[in-house]
Amino acid sequence: KVIVVFESLTGETVIGSGLTRSREEQLDILTRN
């Protein structure tokens, strides 16, 4: 089963979460999703 997971868009991440989140935070959110 192929599952594709993105971060959700928020007011802070609409232009890319690289500006507002560390890579550790991004990975934590992606794996929880």
Full PDB file with SEQRES, HELIX, SHEET, SSBOND, CRYST1, ORIGX, SCALE, CONECT and MASTER records, all heavy atoms in Angstrom:
SEQRES   1 A   33  LYS VAL ILE VAL VAL PHE GLU SER LEU THR GLY GLU THR          
SEQRES   2 A   33  VAL ILE GLY SER GLY LEU THR ARG SER ARG GLU GLU GLN          
SEQRES   3 A   33  LEU ASP ILE LEU THR ARG ASN                                  
HELIX    1 AA1 SER A   17  LEU A   19  5                                   3    
HELIX    2 AA2 ARG A   23  ARG A   32  1                                  10    
CRYST1    1.000    1.000    1.000  90.00  90.00  90.00 P 1           1          
ORIGX1      1.000000  0.000000  0.000000        0.00000                         
ORIGX2      0.000000  1.000000  0.000000        0.00000                         
ORIGX3      0.000000  0.000000  1.000000        0.00000                         
SCALE1      1.000000  0.000000  0.000000        0.00000                         
SCALE2      0.000000  1.000000  0.000000        0.00000                         
SCALE3      0.000000  0.000000  1.000000        0.00000                         
ATOM      1  N   LYS A   1       0.861  -1.177   0.000  1.00  0.00           N  
ATOM      2  CA  LYS A   1       0.000   0.000   0.000  1.00  0.00           C  
ATOM      3  C   LYS A   1       0.899   1.229   0.000  1.00  0.00           C  
ATOM      4  O   LYS A   1       1.716   1.419   0.906  1.00  0.00           O  
ATOM      5  CB  LYS A   1      -0.889   0.003   1.239  1.00  0.00           C  
ATOM      6  CG  LYS A   1      -1.704   1.269   1.434  1.00  0.00           C  
ATOM      7  CD  LYS A   1      -2.763   1.431   0.373  1.00  0.00           C  
ATOM      8  CE  LYS A   1      -3.642   2.646   0.656  1.00  0.00           C  
ATOM      9  NZ  LYS A   1      -4.690   2.809  -0.356  1.00  0.00           N  
ATOM     10  N   VAL A   2       0.784   2.063  -1.001  1.00  0.00           N  
ATOM     11  CA  VAL A   2       1.595   3.278  -1.076  1.00  0.00           C  
ATOM     12  C   VAL A   2       0.827   4.422  -0.422  1.00  0.00           C  
ATOM     13  O   VAL A   2      -0.298   4.735  -0.796  1.00  0.00           O  
ATOM     14  CB  VAL A   2       1.943   3.630  -2.526  1.00  0.00           C  
ATOM     15  CG1 VAL A   2       2.742   4.943  -2.577  1.00  0.00           C  
ATOM     16  CG2 VAL A   2       2.748   2.516  -3.160  1.00  0.00           C  
ATOM     17  N   ILE A   3       1.425   5.002   0.588  1.00  0.00           N  
ATOM     18  CA  ILE A   3       0.825   6.106   1.332  1.00  0.00           C  
ATOM     19  C   ILE A   3       1.721   7.326   1.195  1.00  0.00           C  
ATOM     20  O   ILE A   3       2.923   7.267   1.480  1.00  0.00           O  
ATOM     21  CB  ILE A   3       0.642   5.746   2.816  1.00  0.00           C  
ATOM     22  CG1 ILE A   3      -0.364   4.585   2.952  1.00  0.00           C  
ATOM     23  CG2 ILE A   3       0.170   6.954   3.624  1.00  0.00           C  
ATOM     24  CD1 ILE A   3      -0.608   4.141   4.380  1.00  0.00           C  
ATOM     25  N   VAL A   4       1.146   8.417   0.734  1.00  0.00           N  
ATOM     26  CA  VAL A   4       1.878   9.668   0.547  1.00  0.00           C  
ATOM     27  C   VAL A   4       1.392  10.668   1.588  1.00  0.00           C  
ATOM     28  O   VAL A   4       0.195  10.897   1.729  1.00  0.00           O  
ATOM     29  CB  VAL A   4       1.648  10.240  -0.867  1.00  0.00           C  
ATOM     30  CG1 VAL A   4       2.443  11.531  -1.055  1.00  0.00           C  
ATOM     31  CG2 VAL A   4       2.032   9.222  -1.918  1.00  0.00           C  
ATOM     32  N   VAL A   5       2.336  11.220   2.325  1.00  0.00           N  
ATOM     33  CA  VAL A   5       2.011  12.094   3.446  1.00  0.00           C  
ATOM     34  C   VAL A   5       2.691  13.440   3.280  1.00  0.00           C  
ATOM     35  O   VAL A   5       3.897  13.501   3.034  1.00  0.00           O  
ATOM     36  CB  VAL A   5       2.480  11.468   4.778  1.00  0.00           C  
ATOM     37  CG1 VAL A   5       2.012  12.312   5.961  1.00  0.00           C  
ATOM     38  CG2 VAL A   5       1.981  10.039   4.914  1.00  0.00           C  
ATOM     39  N   PHE A   6       1.915  14.506   3.417  1.00  0.00           N  
ATOM     40  CA  PHE A   6       2.440  15.869   3.411  1.00  0.00           C  
ATOM     41  C   PHE A   6       2.225  16.516   4.771  1.00  0.00           C  
ATOM     42  O   PHE A   6       1.397  16.070   5.559  1.00  0.00           O  
ATOM     43  CB  PHE A   6       1.714  16.731   2.364  1.00  0.00           C  
ATOM     44  CG  PHE A   6       1.991  16.352   0.937  1.00  0.00           C  
ATOM     45  CD1 PHE A   6       1.058  15.641   0.204  1.00  0.00           C  
ATOM     46  CD2 PHE A   6       3.160  16.732   0.309  1.00  0.00           C  
ATOM     47  CE1 PHE A   6       1.289  15.295  -1.117  1.00  0.00           C  
ATOM     48  CE2 PHE A   6       3.405  16.404  -1.015  1.00  0.00           C  
ATOM     49  CZ  PHE A   6       2.469  15.687  -1.727  1.00  0.00           C  
ATOM     50  N   GLU A   7       2.955  17.571   5.029  1.00  0.00           N  
ATOM     51  CA  GLU A   7       2.601  18.480   6.117  1.00  0.00           C  
ATOM     52  C   GLU A   7       1.349  19.243   5.705  1.00  0.00           C  
ATOM     53  O   GLU A   7       1.144  19.530   4.532  1.00  0.00           O  
ATOM     54  CB  GLU A   7       3.703  19.506   6.352  1.00  0.00           C  
ATOM     55  CG  GLU A   7       4.944  19.011   7.022  1.00  0.00           C  
ATOM     56  CD  GLU A   7       5.956  20.125   7.154  1.00  0.00           C  
ATOM     57  OE1 GLU A   7       6.534  20.524   6.134  1.00  0.00           O  
ATOM     58  OE2 GLU A   7       6.171  20.602   8.280  1.00  0.00           O  
ATOM     59  N   SER A   8       0.537  19.622   6.670  1.00  0.00           N  
ATOM     60  CA  SER A   8      -0.595  20.485   6.348  1.00  0.00           C  
ATOM     61  C   SER A   8      -0.115  21.921   6.221  1.00  0.00           C  
ATOM     62  O   SER A   8       0.956  22.287   6.714  1.00  0.00           O  
ATOM     63  CB  SER A   8      -1.673  20.384   7.428  1.00  0.00           C  
ATOM     64  OG  SER A   8      -1.212  20.972   8.623  1.00  0.00           O  
ATOM     65  N   LEU A   9      -0.916  22.709   5.531  1.00  0.00           N  
ATOM     66  CA  LEU A   9      -0.613  24.129   5.395  1.00  0.00           C  
ATOM     67  C   LEU A   9      -1.262  24.904   6.531  1.00  0.00           C  
ATOM     68  O   LEU A   9      -2.423  24.690   6.861  1.00  0.00           O  
ATOM     69  CB  LEU A   9      -1.125  24.659   4.054  1.00  0.00           C  
ATOM     70  CG  LEU A   9      -0.446  24.122   2.796  1.00  0.00           C  
ATOM     71  CD1 LEU A   9      -1.056  24.757   1.568  1.00  0.00           C  
ATOM     72  CD2 LEU A   9       1.055  24.366   2.832  1.00  0.00           C  
ATOM     73  N   THR A  10      -0.498  25.808   7.113  1.00  0.00           N  
ATOM     74  CA  THR A  10      -1.026  26.708   8.128  1.00  0.00           C  
ATOM     75  C   THR A  10      -0.634  28.120   7.747  1.00  0.00           C  
ATOM     76  O   THR A  10       0.075  28.344   6.773  1.00  0.00           O  
ATOM     77  CB  THR A  10      -0.442  26.381   9.516  1.00  0.00           C  
ATOM     78  OG1 THR A  10       0.965  26.702   9.522  1.00  0.00           O  
ATOM     79  CG2 THR A  10      -0.610  24.907   9.851  1.00  0.00           C  
ATOM     80  N   GLY A  11      -1.070  29.083   8.537  1.00  0.00           N  
ATOM     81  CA  GLY A  11      -0.684  30.458   8.267  1.00  0.00           C  
ATOM     82  C   GLY A  11       0.820  30.652   8.300  1.00  0.00           C  
ATOM     83  O   GLY A  11       1.372  31.488   7.594  1.00  0.00           O  
ATOM     84  N   GLU A  12       1.515  29.825   9.114  1.00  0.00           N  
ATOM     85  CA  GLU A  12       2.962  29.950   9.238  1.00  0.00           C  
ATOM     86  C   GLU A  12       3.709  29.195   8.154  1.00  0.00           C  
ATOM     87  O   GLU A  12       4.841  29.540   7.810  1.00  0.00           O  
ATOM     88  CB  GLU A  12       3.410  29.430  10.606  1.00  0.00           C  
ATOM     89  CG  GLU A  12       2.963  30.277  11.781  1.00  0.00           C  
ATOM     90  CD  GLU A  12       3.499  29.726  13.097  1.00  0.00           C  
ATOM     91  OE1 GLU A  12       3.894  28.542  13.118  1.00  0.00           O  
ATOM     92  OE2 GLU A  12       3.533  30.489  14.066  1.00  0.00           O  
ATOM     93  N   THR A  13       3.100  28.139   7.600  1.00  0.00           N  
ATOM     94  CA  THR A  13       3.836  27.288   6.671  1.00  0.00           C  
ATOM     95  C   THR A  13       3.370  27.407   5.229  1.00  0.00           C  
ATOM     96  O   THR A  13       3.849  26.679   4.376  1.00  0.00           O  
ATOM     97  CB  THR A  13       3.720  25.815   7.098  1.00  0.00           C  
ATOM     98  OG1 THR A  13       2.335  25.418   7.038  1.00  0.00           O  
ATOM     99  CG2 THR A  13       4.252  25.597   8.501  1.00  0.00           C  
ATOM    100  N   VAL A  14       2.462  28.314   4.931  1.00  0.00           N  
ATOM    101  CA  VAL A  14       1.930  28.408   3.584  1.00  0.00           C  
ATOM    102  C   VAL A  14       3.018  28.734   2.572  1.00  0.00           C  
ATOM    103  O   VAL A  14       2.912  28.392   1.397  1.00  0.00           O  
ATOM    104  CB  VAL A  14       0.776  29.437   3.521  1.00  0.00           C  
ATOM    105  CG1 VAL A  14       1.309  30.860   3.707  1.00  0.00           C  
ATOM    106  CG2 VAL A  14       0.001  29.297   2.210  1.00  0.00           C  
ATOM    107  N   ILE A  15       4.116  29.382   2.982  1.00  0.00           N  
ATOM    108  CA  ILE A  15       5.202  29.666   2.058  1.00  0.00           C  
ATOM    109  C   ILE A  15       6.352  28.684   2.238  1.00  0.00           C  
ATOM    110  O   ILE A  15       7.451  28.900   1.730  1.00  0.00           O  
ATOM    111  CB  ILE A  15       5.717  31.117   2.207  1.00  0.00           C  
ATOM    112  CG1 ILE A  15       6.243  31.360   3.624  1.00  0.00           C  
ATOM    113  CG2 ILE A  15       4.645  32.110   1.843  1.00  0.00           C  
ATOM    114  CD1 ILE A  15       6.934  32.710   3.789  1.00  0.00           C  
ATOM    115  N   GLY A  16       6.098  27.584   2.926  1.00  0.00           N  
ATOM    116  CA  GLY A  16       7.114  26.571   3.101  1.00  0.00           C  
ATOM    117  C   GLY A  16       7.554  26.460   4.544  1.00  0.00           C  
ATOM    118  O   GLY A  16       7.990  27.429   5.153  1.00  0.00           O  
ATOM    119  N   SER A  17       7.457  25.246   5.099  1.00  0.00           N  
ATOM    120  CA  SER A  17       7.741  25.080   6.518  1.00  0.00           C  
ATOM    121  C   SER A  17       9.231  25.188   6.828  1.00  0.00           C  
ATOM    122  O   SER A  17       9.614  25.255   7.988  1.00  0.00           O  
ATOM    123  CB  SER A  17       7.212  23.733   7.006  1.00  0.00           C  
ATOM    124  OG  SER A  17       7.952  22.667   6.441  1.00  0.00           O  
ATOM    125  N   GLY A  18      10.081  25.193   5.801  1.00  0.00           N  
ATOM    126  CA  GLY A  18      11.501  25.356   6.037  1.00  0.00           C  
ATOM    127  C   GLY A  18      11.847  26.662   6.703  1.00  0.00           C  
ATOM    128  O   GLY A  18      12.900  26.784   7.336  1.00  0.00           O  
ATOM    129  N   LEU A  19      10.980  27.645   6.578  1.00  0.00           N  
ATOM    130  CA  LEU A  19      11.215  28.950   7.190  1.00  0.00           C  
ATOM    131  C   LEU A  19      10.783  28.999   8.647  1.00  0.00           C  
ATOM    132  O   LEU A  19      11.218  29.880   9.388  1.00  0.00           O  
ATOM    133  CB  LEU A  19      10.476  30.035   6.405  1.00  0.00           C  
ATOM    134  CG  LEU A  19      10.944  30.259   4.955  1.00  0.00           C  
ATOM    135  CD1 LEU A  19      10.007  31.228   4.253  1.00  0.00           C  
ATOM    136  CD2 LEU A  19      12.380  30.771   4.931  1.00  0.00           C  
ATOM    137  N   THR A  20       9.921  28.105   9.073  1.00  0.00           N  
ATOM    138  CA  THR A  20       9.339  28.199  10.417  1.00  0.00           C  
ATOM    139  C   THR A  20       9.554  26.968  11.276  1.00  0.00           C  
ATOM    140  O   THR A  20       9.304  27.014  12.479  1.00  0.00           O  
ATOM    141  CB  THR A  20       7.817  28.456  10.317  1.00  0.00           C  
ATOM    142  OG1 THR A  20       7.207  27.376   9.592  1.00  0.00           O  
ATOM    143  CG2 THR A  20       7.529  29.771   9.616  1.00  0.00           C  
ATOM    144  N   ARG A  21      10.002  25.854  10.697  1.00  0.00           N  
ATOM    145  CA  ARG A  21      10.180  24.628  11.446  1.00  0.00           C  
ATOM    146  C   ARG A  21      11.577  24.055  11.220  1.00  0.00           C  
ATOM    147  O   ARG A  21      12.119  24.129  10.121  1.00  0.00           O  
ATOM    148  CB  ARG A  21       9.144  23.573  11.029  1.00  0.00           C  
ATOM    149  CG  ARG A  21       7.725  23.896  11.463  1.00  0.00           C  
ATOM    150  CD  ARG A  21       6.731  22.918  10.851  1.00  0.00           C  
ATOM    151  NE  ARG A  21       5.361  23.171  11.329  1.00  0.00           N  
ATOM    152  CZ  ARG A  21       4.281  22.674  10.759  1.00  0.00           C  
ATOM    153  NH1 ARG A  21       4.387  21.899   9.685  1.00  0.00           N  
ATOM    154  NH2 ARG A  21       3.077  22.944  11.249  1.00  0.00           N  
ATOM    155  N   SER A  22      12.130  23.450  12.254  1.00  0.00           N  
ATOM    156  CA  SER A  22      13.397  22.741  12.111  1.00  0.00           C  
ATOM    157  C   SER A  22      13.138  21.424  11.381  1.00  0.00           C  
ATOM    158  O   SER A  22      11.995  20.960  11.288  1.00  0.00           O  
ATOM    159  CB  SER A  22      14.007  22.464  13.485  1.00  0.00           C  
ATOM    160  OG  SER A  22      13.222  21.509  14.187  1.00  0.00           O  
ATOM    161  N   ARG A  23      14.201  20.804  10.905  1.00  0.00           N  
ATOM    162  CA  ARG A  23      14.017  19.524  10.215  1.00  0.00           C  
ATOM    163  C   ARG A  23      13.505  18.455  11.177  1.00  0.00           C  
ATOM    164  O   ARG A  23      12.737  17.562  10.773  1.00  0.00           O  
ATOM    165  CB  ARG A  23      15.311  19.081   9.532  1.00  0.00           C  
ATOM    166  CG  ARG A  23      16.426  18.684  10.456  1.00  0.00           C  
ATOM    167  CD  ARG A  23      17.730  18.388   9.707  1.00  0.00           C  
ATOM    168  NE  ARG A  23      18.707  17.803  10.606  1.00  0.00           N  
ATOM    169  CZ  ARG A  23      18.849  16.493  10.790  1.00  0.00           C  
ATOM    170  NH1 ARG A  23      18.091  15.665  10.114  1.00  0.00           N  
ATOM    171  NH2 ARG A  23      19.754  16.020  11.633  1.00  0.00           N  
ATOM    172  N   GLU A  24      13.895  18.534  12.449  1.00  0.00           N  
ATOM    173  CA  GLU A  24      13.390  17.589  13.441  1.00  0.00           C  
ATOM    174  C   GLU A  24      11.887  17.755  13.627  1.00  0.00           C  
ATOM    175  O   GLU A  24      11.157  16.751  13.753  1.00  0.00           O  
ATOM    176  CB  GLU A  24      14.114  17.781  14.768  1.00  0.00           C  
ATOM    177  CG  GLU A  24      15.576  17.369  14.764  1.00  0.00           C  
ATOM    178  CD  GLU A  24      16.501  18.442  14.185  1.00  0.00           C  
ATOM    179  OE1 GLU A  24      16.015  19.569  13.917  1.00  0.00           O  
ATOM    180  OE2 GLU A  24      17.696  18.154  13.998  1.00  0.00           O  
ATOM    181  N   GLU A  25      11.412  18.995  13.660  1.00  0.00           N  
ATOM    182  CA  GLU A  25       9.971  19.246  13.780  1.00  0.00           C  
ATOM    183  C   GLU A  25       9.235  18.744  12.552  1.00  0.00           C  
ATOM    184  O   GLU A  25       8.152  18.145  12.664  1.00  0.00           O  
ATOM    185  CB  GLU A  25       9.725  20.741  13.975  1.00  0.00           C  
ATOM    186  CG  GLU A  25      10.156  21.270  15.334  1.00  0.00           C  
ATOM    187  CD  GLU A  25      10.070  22.787  15.425  1.00  0.00           C  
ATOM    188  OE1 GLU A  25      10.364  23.479  14.413  1.00  0.00           O  
ATOM    189  OE2 GLU A  25       9.704  23.282  16.497  1.00  0.00           O  
ATOM    190  N   GLN A  26       9.791  18.980  11.371  1.00  0.00           N  
ATOM    191  CA  GLN A  26       9.158  18.504  10.144  1.00  0.00           C  
ATOM    192  C   GLN A  26       9.035  16.978  10.145  1.00  0.00           C  
ATOM    193  O   GLN A  26       7.974  16.430   9.807  1.00  0.00           O  
ATOM    194  CB  GLN A  26       9.969  18.959   8.929  1.00  0.00           C  
ATOM    195  CG  GLN A  26       9.923  20.454   8.670  1.00  0.00           C  
ATOM    196  CD  GLN A  26      10.934  20.872   7.626  1.00  0.00           C  
ATOM    197  OE1 GLN A  26      12.016  20.304   7.512  1.00  0.00           O  
ATOM    198  NE2 GLN A  26      10.585  21.879   6.840  1.00  0.00           N  
ATOM    199  N   LEU A  27      10.121  16.296  10.521  1.00  0.00           N  
ATOM    200  CA  LEU A  27      10.096  14.839  10.520  1.00  0.00           C  
ATOM    201  C   LEU A  27       9.114  14.306  11.558  1.00  0.00           C  
ATOM    202  O   LEU A  27       8.399  13.323  11.304  1.00  0.00           O  
ATOM    203  CB  LEU A  27      11.507  14.311  10.793  1.00  0.00           C  
ATOM    204  CG  LEU A  27      11.702  12.793  10.675  1.00  0.00           C  
ATOM    205  CD1 LEU A  27      11.300  12.297   9.292  1.00  0.00           C  
ATOM    206  CD2 LEU A  27      13.145  12.420  10.972  1.00  0.00           C  
ATOM    207  N   ASP A  28       9.041  14.944  12.709  1.00  0.00           N  
ATOM    208  CA  ASP A  28       8.093  14.536  13.746  1.00  0.00           C  
ATOM    209  C   ASP A  28       6.661  14.660  13.238  1.00  0.00           C  
ATOM    210  O   ASP A  28       5.842  13.748  13.417  1.00  0.00           O  
ATOM    211  CB  ASP A  28       8.297  15.387  14.999  1.00  0.00           C  
ATOM    212  CG  ASP A  28       7.300  15.047  16.098  1.00  0.00           C  
ATOM    213  OD1 ASP A  28       7.255  13.873  16.521  1.00  0.00           O  
ATOM    214  OD2 ASP A  28       6.557  15.944  16.530  1.00  0.00           O  
ATOM    215  N   ILE A  29       6.350  15.778  12.595  1.00  0.00           N  
ATOM    216  CA  ILE A  29       4.994  15.992  12.090  1.00  0.00           C  
ATOM    217  C   ILE A  29       4.672  15.003  10.977  1.00  0.00           C  
ATOM    218  O   ILE A  29       3.588  14.400  10.948  1.00  0.00           O  
ATOM    219  CB  ILE A  29       4.828  17.442  11.605  1.00  0.00           C  
ATOM    220  CG1 ILE A  29       4.821  18.391  12.802  1.00  0.00           C  
ATOM    221  CG2 ILE A  29       3.557  17.612  10.779  1.00  0.00           C  
ATOM    222  CD1 ILE A  29       4.956  19.852  12.443  1.00  0.00           C  
ATOM    223  N   LEU A  30       5.596  14.816  10.048  1.00  0.00           N  
ATOM    224  CA  LEU A  30       5.356  13.885   8.944  1.00  0.00           C  
ATOM    225  C   LEU A  30       5.117  12.469   9.446  1.00  0.00           C  
ATOM    226  O   LEU A  30       4.209  11.779   8.967  1.00  0.00           O  
ATOM    227  CB  LEU A  30       6.546  13.896   7.986  1.00  0.00           C  
ATOM    228  CG  LEU A  30       6.647  15.053   7.000  1.00  0.00           C  
ATOM    229  CD1 LEU A  30       7.969  14.980   6.249  1.00  0.00           C  
ATOM    230  CD2 LEU A  30       5.483  15.040   6.004  1.00  0.00           C  
ATOM    231  N   THR A  31       5.922  12.016  10.391  1.00  0.00           N  
ATOM    232  CA  THR A  31       5.756  10.640  10.866  1.00  0.00           C  
ATOM    233  C   THR A  31       4.484  10.478  11.681  1.00  0.00           C  
ATOM    234  O   THR A  31       3.848   9.419  11.639  1.00  0.00           O  
ATOM    235  CB  THR A  31       6.985  10.184  11.670  1.00  0.00           C  
ATOM    236  OG1 THR A  31       7.226  11.080  12.762  1.00  0.00           O  
ATOM    237  CG2 THR A  31       8.230  10.128  10.781  1.00  0.00           C  
ATOM    238  N   ARG A  32       4.069  11.514  12.415  1.00  0.00           N  
ATOM    239  CA  ARG A  32       2.783  11.442  13.115  1.00  0.00           C  
ATOM    240  C   ARG A  32       1.637  11.373  12.111  1.00  0.00           C  
ATOM    241  O   ARG A  32       0.677  10.608  12.291  1.00  0.00           O  
ATOM    242  CB  ARG A  32       2.616  12.645  14.044  1.00  0.00           C  
ATOM    243  CG  ARG A  32       3.383  12.506  15.352  1.00  0.00           C  
ATOM    244  CD  ARG A  32       2.983  13.556  16.356  1.00  0.00           C  
ATOM    245  NE  ARG A  32       3.722  14.791  16.225  1.00  0.00           N  
ATOM    246  CZ  ARG A  32       3.200  15.994  16.025  1.00  0.00           C  
ATOM    247  NH1 ARG A  32       1.890  16.129  15.895  1.00  0.00           N  
ATOM    248  NH2 ARG A  32       3.953  17.063  15.956  1.00  0.00           N  
ATOM    249  N   ASN A  33       1.720  12.187  11.051  1.00  0.00           N  
ATOM    250  CA  ASN A  33       0.699  12.129  10.009  1.00  0.00           C  
ATOM    251  C   ASN A  33       0.680  10.755   9.343  1.00  0.00           C  
ATOM    252  O   ASN A  33      -0.385  10.211   9.024  1.00  0.00           O  
ATOM    253  CB  ASN A  33       0.965  13.208   8.958  1.00  0.00           C  
ATOM    254  CG  ASN A  33       0.646  14.610   9.445  1.00  0.00           C  
ATOM    255  OD1 ASN A  33       0.023  14.786  10.495  1.00  0.00           O  
ATOM    256  ND2 ASN A  33       1.078  15.616   8.714  1.00  0.00           N  
TER     257      ASN A  33                                                      
MASTER        0    0    0    2    0    0    0    6  256    1    0    3          
END                                                                             
